[in-house]
């Protein structure tokens, strides 16, 4: 099956030119957008060690690489595998690994969850980040994993079961409604992940149709929804608690503007995020709107910098 490519709209090209450094940078961006995405997976250390799985995959004839010394669970696949081979492999069915894009792993790495933490994953399905958090927490502490769609909840539950996750409670709520209920009950969390629904500009390689559906109206609409989703979530954090806000888009309307809304309305500060990728700083200005100087600590991940997908990650702390 040949992947269909779509040409970017003129306004999208203009925005990318404003976001990137120069014409050469822009050329690299759009060239990479038409390339094939890299295959990757994450070792599920609840069931197997990274060394043991790597040995097993190499015995199968797969070419695999662990690109980050400090994160041996992150695995890139360089073999030309058959369609569906990764998902049908025995190791996948047994829950020894989770098929996950590398940049999708960055929000949980930024959140730095620990064994014993109480964690809220507000938009959890299909479960890539929830299972990643559970593994880092060694199945201790507690995670509330929420999503609004019953179909997505079913996939989330299946992935949790396959990966042997036992410290997670699955809830089905509109995110705004769940926040209100948890506030009323007095719930407090050590860490909160809001991996928000977004326009998906960072997924052009695996989902080129994004270019067809893209519009500035969509970006503004998503930004409003994201702000509503975040309203009140800060009240669920313990003193000194941390929140990671992330999207798979480049749009400032869905990234820096949303974070600035948090800074303007809640006692929050932006914290450093140490990630094992090439990253660029968050914007401090966009089309005449100035953002807090600390927005530089937010992280932009462009697909042509790492030959991976695009992401935005911002780690925030509740001011004590």
C-alpha atoms as a PDB file:
ATOM      1  CA  UNK A   1       0.000   0.000   0.000  1.00  0.00           C
ATOM      2  CA  UNK A   2       1.512   3.332  -1.120  1.00  0.00           C
ATOM      3  CA  UNK A   3       1.317   6.174   1.395  1.00  0.00           C
ATOM      4  CA  UNK A   4      -0.573   9.131  -0.032  1.00  0.00           C
ATOM      5  CA  UNK A   5       1.145  12.483   0.308  1.00  0.00           C
ATOM      6  CA  UNK A   6      -0.563  15.862   0.508  1.00  0.00           C
ATOM      7  CA  UNK A   7       0.923  19.246  -0.259  1.00  0.00           C
ATOM      8  CA  UNK A   8       0.941  21.722   2.639  1.00  0.00           C
ATOM      9  CA  UNK A   9      -1.360  24.726   2.491  1.00  0.00           C
ATOM     10  CA  UNK A  10       0.263  28.105   1.937  1.00  0.00           C
ATOM     11  CA  UNK A  11      -0.622  29.367   5.419  1.00  0.00           C
ATOM     12  CA  UNK A  12       0.943  26.280   6.983  1.00  0.00           C
ATOM     13  CA  UNK A  13       4.184  26.882   5.079  1.00  0.00           C
ATOM     14  CA  UNK A  14       4.190  30.527   6.201  1.00  0.00           C
ATOM     15  CA  UNK A  15       3.811  29.481   9.847  1.00  0.00           C
ATOM     16  CA  UNK A  16       6.625  26.941   9.660  1.00  0.00           C
ATOM     17  CA  UNK A  17       8.883  29.632   8.189  1.00  0.00           C
ATOM     18  CA  UNK A  18       8.130  31.820  11.215  1.00  0.00           C
ATOM     19  CA  UNK A  19       8.866  28.959  13.618  1.00  0.00           C
ATOM     20  CA  UNK A  20      12.153  27.780  12.117  1.00  0.00           C
ATOM     21  CA  UNK A  21      15.579  29.401  11.786  1.00  0.00           C
ATOM     22  CA  UNK A  22      16.101  29.921   8.059  1.00  0.00           C
ATOM     23  CA  UNK A  23      15.238  28.683   4.551  1.00  0.00           C
ATOM     24  CA  UNK A  24      17.541  25.670   4.832  1.00  0.00           C
ATOM     25  CA  UNK A  25      15.875  24.664   8.092  1.00  0.00           C
ATOM     26  CA  UNK A  26      12.455  24.918   6.392  1.00  0.00           C
ATOM     27  CA  UNK A  27      13.618  22.770   3.450  1.00  0.00           C
ATOM     28  CA  UNK A  28      14.808  20.055   5.836  1.00  0.00           C
ATOM     29  CA  UNK A  29      11.483  20.189   7.677  1.00  0.00           C
ATOM     30  CA  UNK A  30       9.349  19.579   4.580  1.00  0.00           C
ATOM     31  CA  UNK A  31      11.749  17.011   3.128  1.00  0.00           C
ATOM     32  CA  UNK A  32      11.555  15.000   6.346  1.00  0.00           C
ATOM     33  CA  UNK A  33       7.760  15.325   6.345  1.00  0.00           C
ATOM     34  CA  UNK A  34       7.651  13.184   3.188  1.00  0.00           C
ATOM     35  CA  UNK A  35       9.954  10.442   4.523  1.00  0.00           C
ATOM     36  CA  UNK A  36       8.977   7.167   6.156  1.00  0.00           C
ATOM     37  CA  UNK A  37       8.691   7.240   9.967  1.00  0.00           C
ATOM     38  CA  UNK A  38      11.137   5.160  12.001  1.00  0.00           C
ATOM     39  CA  UNK A  39       9.969   2.063  13.856  1.00  0.00           C
ATOM     40  CA  UNK A  40      10.529   1.935  17.603  1.00  0.00           C
ATOM     41  CA  UNK A  41       9.337   0.190  20.725  1.00  0.00           C
ATOM     42  CA  UNK A  42       9.642   0.400  24.488  1.00  0.00           C
ATOM     43  CA  UNK A  43      10.690  -2.558  26.609  1.00  0.00           C
ATOM     44  CA  UNK A  44       8.060  -3.366  29.228  1.00  0.00           C
ATOM     45  CA  UNK A  45      10.321  -3.815  32.234  1.00  0.00           C
ATOM     46  CA  UNK A  46       7.390  -5.087  34.310  1.00  0.00           C
ATOM     47  CA  UNK A  47       7.785  -8.362  32.419  1.00  0.00           C
ATOM     48  CA  UNK A  48      11.306  -8.538  31.005  1.00  0.00           C
ATOM     49  CA  UNK A  49      14.668  -6.785  31.209  1.00  0.00           C
ATOM     50  CA  UNK A  50      15.966  -4.683  28.340  1.00  0.00           C
ATOM     51  CA  UNK A  51      18.987  -6.959  27.862  1.00  0.00           C
ATOM     52  CA  UNK A  52      16.861 -10.101  27.719  1.00  0.00           C
ATOM     53  CA  UNK A  53      14.438  -8.677  25.183  1.00  0.00           C
ATOM     54  CA  UNK A  54      17.218  -7.282  22.997  1.00  0.00           C
ATOM     55  CA  UNK A  55      18.872 -10.702  22.905  1.00  0.00           C
ATOM     56  CA  UNK A  56      15.594 -12.338  21.952  1.00  0.00           C
ATOM     57  CA  UNK A  57      14.839  -9.858  19.172  1.00  0.00           C
ATOM     58  CA  UNK A  58      18.323 -10.226  17.726  1.00  0.00           C
ATOM     59  CA  UNK A  59      17.919 -13.994  17.720  1.00  0.00           C
ATOM     60  CA  UNK A  60      14.815 -13.436  15.578  1.00  0.00           C
ATOM     61  CA  UNK A  61      17.028 -11.617  13.090  1.00  0.00           C
ATOM     62  CA  UNK A  62      15.786  -8.125  13.925  1.00  0.00           C
ATOM     63  CA  UNK A  63      18.253  -5.250  13.791  1.00  0.00           C
ATOM     64  CA  UNK A  64      17.677  -3.257  16.975  1.00  0.00           C
ATOM     65  CA  UNK A  65      19.501  -0.422  18.662  1.00  0.00           C
ATOM     66  CA  UNK A  66      19.336   1.261  22.079  1.00  0.00           C
ATOM     67  CA  UNK A  67      20.173   4.900  21.216  1.00  0.00           C
ATOM     68  CA  UNK A  68      20.127   6.330  24.754  1.00  0.00           C
ATOM     69  CA  UNK A  69      22.444   4.953  27.419  1.00  0.00           C
ATOM     70  CA  UNK A  70      20.317   6.278  30.287  1.00  0.00           C
ATOM     71  CA  UNK A  71      17.119   4.845  28.809  1.00  0.00           C
ATOM     72  CA  UNK A  72      17.885   1.278  27.689  1.00  0.00           C
ATOM     73  CA  UNK A  73      14.162   0.532  27.421  1.00  0.00           C
ATOM     74  CA  UNK A  74      13.946   2.741  24.313  1.00  0.00           C
ATOM     75  CA  UNK A  75      14.617   0.639  21.220  1.00  0.00           C
ATOM     76  CA  UNK A  76      14.869   1.652  17.567  1.00  0.00           C
ATOM     77  CA  UNK A  77      14.260  -0.971  14.886  1.00  0.00           C
ATOM     78  CA  UNK A  78      16.346  -0.664  11.736  1.00  0.00           C
ATOM     79  CA  UNK A  79      15.229  -3.912  10.056  1.00  0.00           C
ATOM     80  CA  UNK A  80      12.901  -3.909   7.061  1.00  0.00           C
ATOM     81  CA  UNK A  81      10.163  -5.940   8.702  1.00  0.00           C
ATOM     82  CA  UNK A  82       7.017  -7.273   7.079  1.00  0.00           C
ATOM     83  CA  UNK A  83       3.802  -5.235   7.499  1.00  0.00           C
ATOM     84  CA  UNK A  84       2.278  -6.092  10.870  1.00  0.00           C
ATOM     85  CA  UNK A  85       5.288  -8.120  11.973  1.00  0.00           C
ATOM     86  CA  UNK A  86       5.966  -5.981  15.046  1.00  0.00           C
ATOM     87  CA  UNK A  87       2.387  -6.261  16.283  1.00  0.00           C
ATOM     88  CA  UNK A  88       2.074  -9.984  15.572  1.00  0.00           C
ATOM     89  CA  UNK A  89       5.354 -11.005  17.224  1.00  0.00           C
ATOM     90  CA  UNK A  90       5.131 -13.357  20.195  1.00  0.00           C
ATOM     91  CA  UNK A  91       7.011 -10.865  22.364  1.00  0.00           C
ATOM     92  CA  UNK A  92       4.406  -8.200  21.662  1.00  0.00           C
ATOM     93  CA  UNK A  93       1.457 -10.478  22.351  1.00  0.00           C
ATOM     94  CA  UNK A  94       3.058 -11.461  25.679  1.00  0.00           C
ATOM     95  CA  UNK A  95       3.461  -7.816  26.650  1.00  0.00           C
ATOM     96  CA  UNK A  96       7.248  -7.790  26.595  1.00  0.00           C
ATOM     97  CA  UNK A  97       7.254  -4.563  24.605  1.00  0.00           C
ATOM     98  CA  UNK A  98       4.949  -1.708  23.636  1.00  0.00           C
ATOM     99  CA  UNK A  99       5.071  -0.299  20.111  1.00  0.00           C
ATOM    100  CA  UNK A 100       5.594   3.401  20.748  1.00  0.00           C
ATOM    101  CA  UNK A 101       7.160   6.325  18.918  1.00  0.00           C
ATOM    102  CA  UNK A 102      10.245   7.653  20.689  1.00  0.00           C
ATOM    103  CA  UNK A 103       9.037  11.237  21.109  1.00  0.00           C
ATOM    104  CA  UNK A 104       5.790   9.890  22.583  1.00  0.00           C
ATOM    105  CA  UNK A 105       7.919   8.580  25.475  1.00  0.00           C
ATOM    106  CA  UNK A 106       9.293  12.024  26.323  1.00  0.00           C
ATOM    107  CA  UNK A 107       6.351  13.383  28.417  1.00  0.00           C
ATOM    108  CA  UNK A 108       6.643  10.582  30.995  1.00  0.00           C
ATOM    109  CA  UNK A 109      10.433  10.957  31.060  1.00  0.00           C
ATOM    110  CA  UNK A 110       9.913  14.682  31.722  1.00  0.00           C
ATOM    111  CA  UNK A 111       7.332  13.937  34.441  1.00  0.00           C
ATOM    112  CA  UNK A 112       9.911  11.703  36.169  1.00  0.00           C
ATOM    113  CA  UNK A 113       7.426   9.457  37.963  1.00  0.00           C
ATOM    114  CA  UNK A 114       8.782   7.387  40.855  1.00  0.00           C
ATOM    115  CA  UNK A 115       7.670   4.237  42.686  1.00  0.00           C
ATOM    116  CA  UNK A 116       4.952   5.152  45.159  1.00  0.00           C
ATOM    117  CA  UNK A 117       3.740   8.277  43.327  1.00  0.00           C
ATOM    118  CA  UNK A 118       0.040   9.071  42.950  1.00  0.00           C
ATOM    119  CA  UNK A 119      -0.429   9.951  39.276  1.00  0.00           C
ATOM    120  CA  UNK A 120      -3.258  11.204  37.062  1.00  0.00           C
ATOM    121  CA  UNK A 121      -3.124  10.515  33.315  1.00  0.00           C
ATOM    122  CA  UNK A 122      -6.013  12.665  32.141  1.00  0.00           C
ATOM    123  CA  UNK A 123      -6.150  11.625  28.457  1.00  0.00           C
ATOM    124  CA  UNK A 124      -4.727   8.127  28.742  1.00  0.00           C
ATOM    125  CA  UNK A 125      -5.913   5.954  25.839  1.00  0.00           C
ATOM    126  CA  UNK A 126      -4.531   3.936  24.153  1.00  0.00           C
ATOM    127  CA  UNK A 127      -2.170   3.532  27.108  1.00  0.00           C
ATOM    128  CA  UNK A 128       1.356   4.079  25.815  1.00  0.00           C
ATOM    129  CA  UNK A 129       2.231   6.636  28.473  1.00  0.00           C
ATOM    130  CA  UNK A 130       0.205   4.922  31.209  1.00  0.00           C
ATOM    131  CA  UNK A 131       2.062   1.644  30.743  1.00  0.00           C
ATOM    132  CA  UNK A 132       5.357   3.544  30.576  1.00  0.00           C
ATOM    133  CA  UNK A 133       4.569   5.274  33.877  1.00  0.00           C
ATOM    134  CA  UNK A 134       3.530   1.992  35.528  1.00  0.00           C
ATOM    135  CA  UNK A 135       6.831   0.406  34.515  1.00  0.00           C
ATOM    136  CA  UNK A 136       8.869   3.298  35.936  1.00  0.00           C
ATOM    137  CA  UNK A 137       6.776   3.112  39.115  1.00  0.00           C
ATOM    138  CA  UNK A 138       7.400  -0.657  39.307  1.00  0.00           C
ATOM    139  CA  UNK A 139       3.637  -1.190  39.656  1.00  0.00           C
ATOM    140  CA  UNK A 140       3.625   0.622  43.001  1.00  0.00           C
ATOM    141  CA  UNK A 141       1.751   3.776  43.937  1.00  0.00           C
ATOM    142  CA  UNK A 142      -1.405   4.488  41.940  1.00  0.00           C
ATOM    143  CA  UNK A 143      -2.385   5.803  38.523  1.00  0.00           C
ATOM    144  CA  UNK A 144      -5.814   7.051  37.523  1.00  0.00           C
ATOM    145  CA  UNK A 145      -5.983   6.600  33.747  1.00  0.00           C
ATOM    146  CA  UNK A 146      -8.901   8.453  32.187  1.00  0.00           C
ATOM    147  CA  UNK A 147     -10.431   8.752  28.753  1.00  0.00           C
ATOM    148  CA  UNK A 148     -13.832   9.780  27.439  1.00  0.00           C
ATOM    149  CA  UNK A 149     -14.389   7.233  24.644  1.00  0.00           C
ATOM    150  CA  UNK A 150     -15.597   3.727  25.467  1.00  0.00           C
ATOM    151  CA  UNK A 151     -13.867   2.370  22.369  1.00  0.00           C
ATOM    152  CA  UNK A 152     -10.560   3.910  23.454  1.00  0.00           C
ATOM    153  CA  UNK A 153     -11.132   2.748  27.035  1.00  0.00           C
ATOM    154  CA  UNK A 154     -11.412  -0.835  25.748  1.00  0.00           C
ATOM    155  CA  UNK A 155      -8.066  -0.532  23.988  1.00  0.00           C
ATOM    156  CA  UNK A 156      -6.523   1.096  27.068  1.00  0.00           C
ATOM    157  CA  UNK A 157      -7.744  -1.711  29.340  1.00  0.00           C
ATOM    158  CA  UNK A 158      -6.480  -4.379  26.948  1.00  0.00           C
ATOM    159  CA  UNK A 159      -3.027  -2.784  26.809  1.00  0.00           C
ATOM    160  CA  UNK A 160      -2.838  -2.488  30.602  1.00  0.00           C
ATOM    161  CA  UNK A 161      -3.730  -6.160  30.950  1.00  0.00           C
ATOM    162  CA  UNK A 162      -1.275  -7.278  28.256  1.00  0.00           C
ATOM    163  CA  UNK A 163       1.538  -5.326  29.900  1.00  0.00           C
ATOM    164  CA  UNK A 164       0.811  -6.645  33.406  1.00  0.00           C
ATOM    165  CA  UNK A 165      -0.083  -3.257  34.902  1.00  0.00           C
ATOM    166  CA  UNK A 166      -1.705  -3.649  38.331  1.00  0.00           C
ATOM    167  CA  UNK A 167      -1.472  -0.185  39.917  1.00  0.00           C
ATOM    168  CA  UNK A 168      -3.938   1.584  37.610  1.00  0.00           C
ATOM    169  CA  UNK A 169      -7.620   2.501  37.926  1.00  0.00           C
ATOM    170  CA  UNK A 170      -9.357   3.197  34.609  1.00  0.00           C
ATOM    171  CA  UNK A 171     -12.070   5.872  34.522  1.00  0.00           C
ATOM    172  CA  UNK A 172     -14.333   7.019  31.723  1.00  0.00           C
ATOM    173  CA  UNK A 173     -15.162  10.689  32.011  1.00  0.00           C
ATOM    174  CA  UNK A 174     -15.024  13.911  30.122  1.00  0.00           C
ATOM    175  CA  UNK A 175     -11.743  15.359  31.423  1.00  0.00           C
ATOM    176  CA  UNK A 176     -13.373  18.578  32.641  1.00  0.00           C
ATOM    177  CA  UNK A 177     -16.036  16.633  34.546  1.00  0.00           C
ATOM    178  CA  UNK A 178     -13.465  14.290  36.105  1.00  0.00           C
ATOM    179  CA  UNK A 179     -11.386  17.217  37.363  1.00  0.00           C
ATOM    180  CA  UNK A 180     -14.494  18.723  38.986  1.00  0.00           C
ATOM    181  CA  UNK A 181     -15.373  15.430  40.693  1.00  0.00           C
ATOM    182  CA  UNK A 182     -11.831  14.832  41.958  1.00  0.00           C
ATOM    183  CA  UNK A 183     -11.628  18.386  43.302  1.00  0.00           C
ATOM    184  CA  UNK A 184     -14.914  17.897  45.151  1.00  0.00           C
ATOM    185  CA  UNK A 185     -13.614  14.663  46.681  1.00  0.00           C
ATOM    186  CA  UNK A 186     -10.336  16.318  47.711  1.00  0.00           C
ATOM    187  CA  UNK A 187      -8.043  14.088  45.625  1.00  0.00           C
ATOM    188  CA  UNK A 188      -4.421  15.220  45.398  1.00  0.00           C
ATOM    189  CA  UNK A 189      -1.737  13.920  43.053  1.00  0.00           C
ATOM    190  CA  UNK A 190       2.065  13.964  43.056  1.00  0.00           C
ATOM    191  CA  UNK A 191       2.235  14.055  39.255  1.00  0.00           C
ATOM    192  CA  UNK A 192      -0.281  14.836  36.514  1.00  0.00           C
ATOM    193  CA  UNK A 193       0.078  14.220  32.782  1.00  0.00           C
ATOM    194  CA  UNK A 194      -2.129  16.137  30.355  1.00  0.00           C
ATOM    195  CA  UNK A 195      -1.192  14.770  26.937  1.00  0.00           C
ATOM    196  CA  UNK A 196      -3.860  16.829  25.253  1.00  0.00           C
ATOM    197  CA  UNK A 197      -5.827  16.084  22.077  1.00  0.00           C
ATOM    198  CA  UNK A 198      -4.399  18.362  19.403  1.00  0.00           C
ATOM    199  CA  UNK A 199      -4.194  19.175  15.703  1.00  0.00           C
ATOM    200  CA  UNK A 200      -1.373  16.640  15.191  1.00  0.00           C
ATOM    201  CA  UNK A 201       1.042  18.776  13.167  1.00  0.00           C
ATOM    202  CA  UNK A 202       3.939  16.733  14.537  1.00  0.00           C
ATOM    203  CA  UNK A 203       2.649  13.510  12.960  1.00  0.00           C
ATOM    204  CA  UNK A 204       2.966  14.497   9.303  1.00  0.00           C
ATOM    205  CA  UNK A 205       5.120  11.484   8.443  1.00  0.00           C
ATOM    206  CA  UNK A 206       2.795   8.826   9.827  1.00  0.00           C
ATOM    207  CA  UNK A 207      -0.393  10.772   9.121  1.00  0.00           C
ATOM    208  CA  UNK A 208       0.106  12.978   6.031  1.00  0.00           C
ATOM    209  CA  UNK A 209      -3.653  13.548   5.860  1.00  0.00           C
ATOM    210  CA  UNK A 210      -3.088  16.061   8.685  1.00  0.00           C
ATOM    211  CA  UNK A 211      -2.001  18.527   5.981  1.00  0.00           C
ATOM    212  CA  UNK A 212      -5.346  18.123   4.217  1.00  0.00           C
ATOM    213  CA  UNK A 213      -7.391  18.696   7.372  1.00  0.00           C
ATOM    214  CA  UNK A 214      -5.211  21.513   8.750  1.00  0.00           C
ATOM    215  CA  UNK A 215      -6.575  25.036   9.242  1.00  0.00           C
ATOM    216  CA  UNK A 216      -5.822  27.986  11.511  1.00  0.00           C
ATOM    217  CA  UNK A 217      -9.408  27.747  12.753  1.00  0.00           C
ATOM    218  CA  UNK A 218      -8.696  24.193  13.950  1.00  0.00           C
ATOM    219  CA  UNK A 219      -5.633  25.379  15.894  1.00  0.00           C
ATOM    220  CA  UNK A 220      -7.607  28.104  17.672  1.00  0.00           C
ATOM    221  CA  UNK A 221     -10.470  25.717  18.429  1.00  0.00           C
ATOM    222  CA  UNK A 222      -8.098  23.108  19.875  1.00  0.00           C
ATOM    223  CA  UNK A 223      -6.366  25.783  21.963  1.00  0.00           C
ATOM    224  CA  UNK A 224      -9.671  26.791  23.552  1.00  0.00           C
ATOM    225  CA  UNK A 225     -10.501  23.169  24.334  1.00  0.00           C
ATOM    226  CA  UNK A 226      -7.056  22.584  25.861  1.00  0.00           C
ATOM    227  CA  UNK A 227      -7.408  25.605  28.154  1.00  0.00           C
ATOM    228  CA  UNK A 228     -10.817  24.375  29.337  1.00  0.00           C
ATOM    229  CA  UNK A 229      -9.322  20.941  29.965  1.00  0.00           C
ATOM    230  CA  UNK A 230      -6.566  22.418  32.127  1.00  0.00           C
ATOM    231  CA  UNK A 231      -8.879  24.656  34.138  1.00  0.00           C
ATOM    232  CA  UNK A 232      -8.860  23.397  37.715  1.00  0.00           C
ATOM    233  CA  UNK A 233      -6.362  20.587  37.160  1.00  0.00           C
ATOM    234  CA  UNK A 234      -3.728  22.521  39.124  1.00  0.00           C
ATOM    235  CA  UNK A 235      -5.966  22.274  42.209  1.00  0.00           C
ATOM    236  CA  UNK A 236      -5.494  18.492  42.071  1.00  0.00           C
ATOM    237  CA  UNK A 237      -1.735  18.784  42.623  1.00  0.00           C
ATOM    238  CA  UNK A 238      -0.161  18.410  46.022  1.00  0.00           C
ATOM    239  CA  UNK A 239       2.043  21.281  47.180  1.00  0.00           C
ATOM    240  CA  UNK A 240       5.245  20.926  45.179  1.00  0.00           C
ATOM    241  CA  UNK A 241       3.498  18.574  42.750  1.00  0.00           C
ATOM    242  CA  UNK A 242       4.337  18.571  39.050  1.00  0.00           C
ATOM    243  CA  UNK A 243       2.354  18.624  35.823  1.00  0.00           C
ATOM    244  CA  UNK A 244       3.488  17.875  32.297  1.00  0.00           C
ATOM    245  CA  UNK A 245       1.499  19.383  29.450  1.00  0.00           C
ATOM    246  CA  UNK A 246       2.279  17.874  26.059  1.00  0.00           C
ATOM    247  CA  UNK A 247       0.976  17.794  22.502  1.00  0.00           C
ATOM    248  CA  UNK A 248       2.095  16.343  19.180  1.00  0.00           C
ATOM    249  CA  UNK A 249       1.787  19.663  17.383  1.00  0.00           C
ATOM    250  CA  UNK A 250       3.944  22.701  16.612  1.00  0.00           C
ATOM    251  CA  UNK A 251       1.157  25.295  16.882  1.00  0.00           C
ATOM    252  CA  UNK A 252       1.834  28.002  19.513  1.00  0.00           C
ATOM    253  CA  UNK A 253      -1.945  28.354  19.920  1.00  0.00           C
ATOM    254  CA  UNK A 254      -1.935  24.829  21.385  1.00  0.00           C
ATOM    255  CA  UNK A 255       1.411  25.018  23.151  1.00  0.00           C
ATOM    256  CA  UNK A 256       2.916  28.235  24.530  1.00  0.00           C
ATOM    257  CA  UNK A 257      -0.423  30.061  24.597  1.00  0.00           C
ATOM    258  CA  UNK A 258      -1.977  27.277  26.651  1.00  0.00           C
ATOM    259  CA  UNK A 259       0.960  27.190  29.060  1.00  0.00           C
ATOM    260  CA  UNK A 260       0.820  30.995  29.391  1.00  0.00           C
ATOM    261  CA  UNK A 261      -2.863  30.640  30.332  1.00  0.00           C
ATOM    262  CA  UNK A 262      -1.784  28.355  33.193  1.00  0.00           C
ATOM    263  CA  UNK A 263       0.887  30.793  34.344  1.00  0.00           C
ATOM    264  CA  UNK A 264      -1.545  33.717  34.236  1.00  0.00           C
ATOM    265  CA  UNK A 265      -4.299  32.001  36.201  1.00  0.00           C
ATOM    266  CA  UNK A 266      -2.571  29.608  38.629  1.00  0.00           C
ATOM    267  CA  UNK A 267       0.445  29.502  40.937  1.00  0.00           C
ATOM    268  CA  UNK A 268       2.625  27.534  38.549  1.00  0.00           C
ATOM    269  CA  UNK A 269       6.189  27.836  37.313  1.00  0.00           C
ATOM    270  CA  UNK A 270       7.930  26.214  34.350  1.00  0.00           C
ATOM    271  CA  UNK A 271      10.645  23.721  35.262  1.00  0.00           C
ATOM    272  CA  UNK A 272      13.561  22.382  33.219  1.00  0.00           C
ATOM    273  CA  UNK A 273      12.971  19.217  31.200  1.00  0.00           C
ATOM    274  CA  UNK A 274      16.001  17.014  30.604  1.00  0.00           C
ATOM    275  CA  UNK A 275      15.298  14.855  27.572  1.00  0.00           C
ATOM    276  CA  UNK A 276      17.684  12.628  25.559  1.00  0.00           C
ATOM    277  CA  UNK A 277      16.885  14.268  22.203  1.00  0.00           C
ATOM    278  CA  UNK A 278      17.817  17.358  20.262  1.00  0.00           C
ATOM    279  CA  UNK A 279      15.287  19.950  21.382  1.00  0.00           C
ATOM    280  CA  UNK A 280      14.597  23.628  20.817  1.00  0.00           C
ATOM    281  CA  UNK A 281      13.408  26.152  23.361  1.00  0.00           C
ATOM    282  CA  UNK A 282       9.816  27.217  23.729  1.00  0.00           C
ATOM    283  CA  UNK A 283       8.826  30.484  22.087  1.00  0.00           C
ATOM    284  CA  UNK A 284       8.829  33.736  24.034  1.00  0.00           C
ATOM    285  CA  UNK A 285       6.839  35.572  21.346  1.00  0.00           C
ATOM    286  CA  UNK A 286       4.371  34.677  18.607  1.00  0.00           C
ATOM    287  CA  UNK A 287       2.726  37.136  16.239  1.00  0.00           C
ATOM    288  CA  UNK A 288       2.965  40.049  18.651  1.00  0.00           C
ATOM    289  CA  UNK A 289       2.023  38.131  21.801  1.00  0.00           C
ATOM    290  CA  UNK A 290       4.784  37.927  24.387  1.00  0.00           C
ATOM    291  CA  UNK A 291       5.121  34.982  26.744  1.00  0.00           C
ATOM    292  CA  UNK A 292       6.834  34.630  30.102  1.00  0.00           C
ATOM    293  CA  UNK A 293      10.622  34.494  29.758  1.00  0.00           C
ATOM    294  CA  UNK A 294      10.645  31.092  31.475  1.00  0.00           C
ATOM    295  CA  UNK A 295       8.826  29.674  28.415  1.00  0.00           C
ATOM    296  CA  UNK A 296      12.326  28.995  27.075  1.00  0.00           C
ATOM    297  CA  UNK A 297      12.344  25.997  29.420  1.00  0.00           C
ATOM    298  CA  UNK A 298       9.506  24.407  27.460  1.00  0.00           C
ATOM    299  CA  UNK A 299      10.657  21.932  24.828  1.00  0.00           C
ATOM    300  CA  UNK A 300       9.936  21.829  21.114  1.00  0.00           C
ATOM    301  CA  UNK A 301      10.883  18.640  19.261  1.00  0.00           C
ATOM    302  CA  UNK A 302      10.976  18.971  15.465  1.00  0.00           C
ATOM    303  CA  UNK A 303      10.883  15.859  13.326  1.00  0.00           C
ATOM    304  CA  UNK A 304      13.850  16.849  11.172  1.00  0.00           C
ATOM    305  CA  UNK A 305      16.123  17.377  14.191  1.00  0.00           C
ATOM    306  CA  UNK A 306      15.933  13.733  15.308  1.00  0.00           C
ATOM    307  CA  UNK A 307      14.373  11.783  12.408  1.00  0.00           C
ATOM    308  CA  UNK A 308      11.437  11.227  14.758  1.00  0.00           C
ATOM    309  CA  UNK A 309       7.948  12.704  15.124  1.00  0.00           C
ATOM    310  CA  UNK A 310       7.244  16.214  16.425  1.00  0.00           C
ATOM    311  CA  UNK A 311       6.235  17.040  20.006  1.00  0.00           C
ATOM    312  CA  UNK A 312       5.876  19.817  22.549  1.00  0.00           C
ATOM    313  CA  UNK A 313       6.599  19.135  26.236  1.00  0.00           C
ATOM    314  CA  UNK A 314       6.352  21.523  29.171  1.00  0.00           C
ATOM    315  CA  UNK A 315       6.988  20.523  32.767  1.00  0.00           C
ATOM    316  CA  UNK A 316       5.436  22.759  35.426  1.00  0.00           C
ATOM    317  CA  UNK A 317       5.620  22.805  39.204  1.00  0.00           C
ATOM    318  CA  UNK A 318       3.041  24.011  41.684  1.00  0.00           C
ATOM    319  CA  UNK A 319       4.445  26.905  43.665  1.00  0.00           C
ATOM    320  CA  UNK A 320       4.605  26.048  47.361  1.00  0.00           C
END
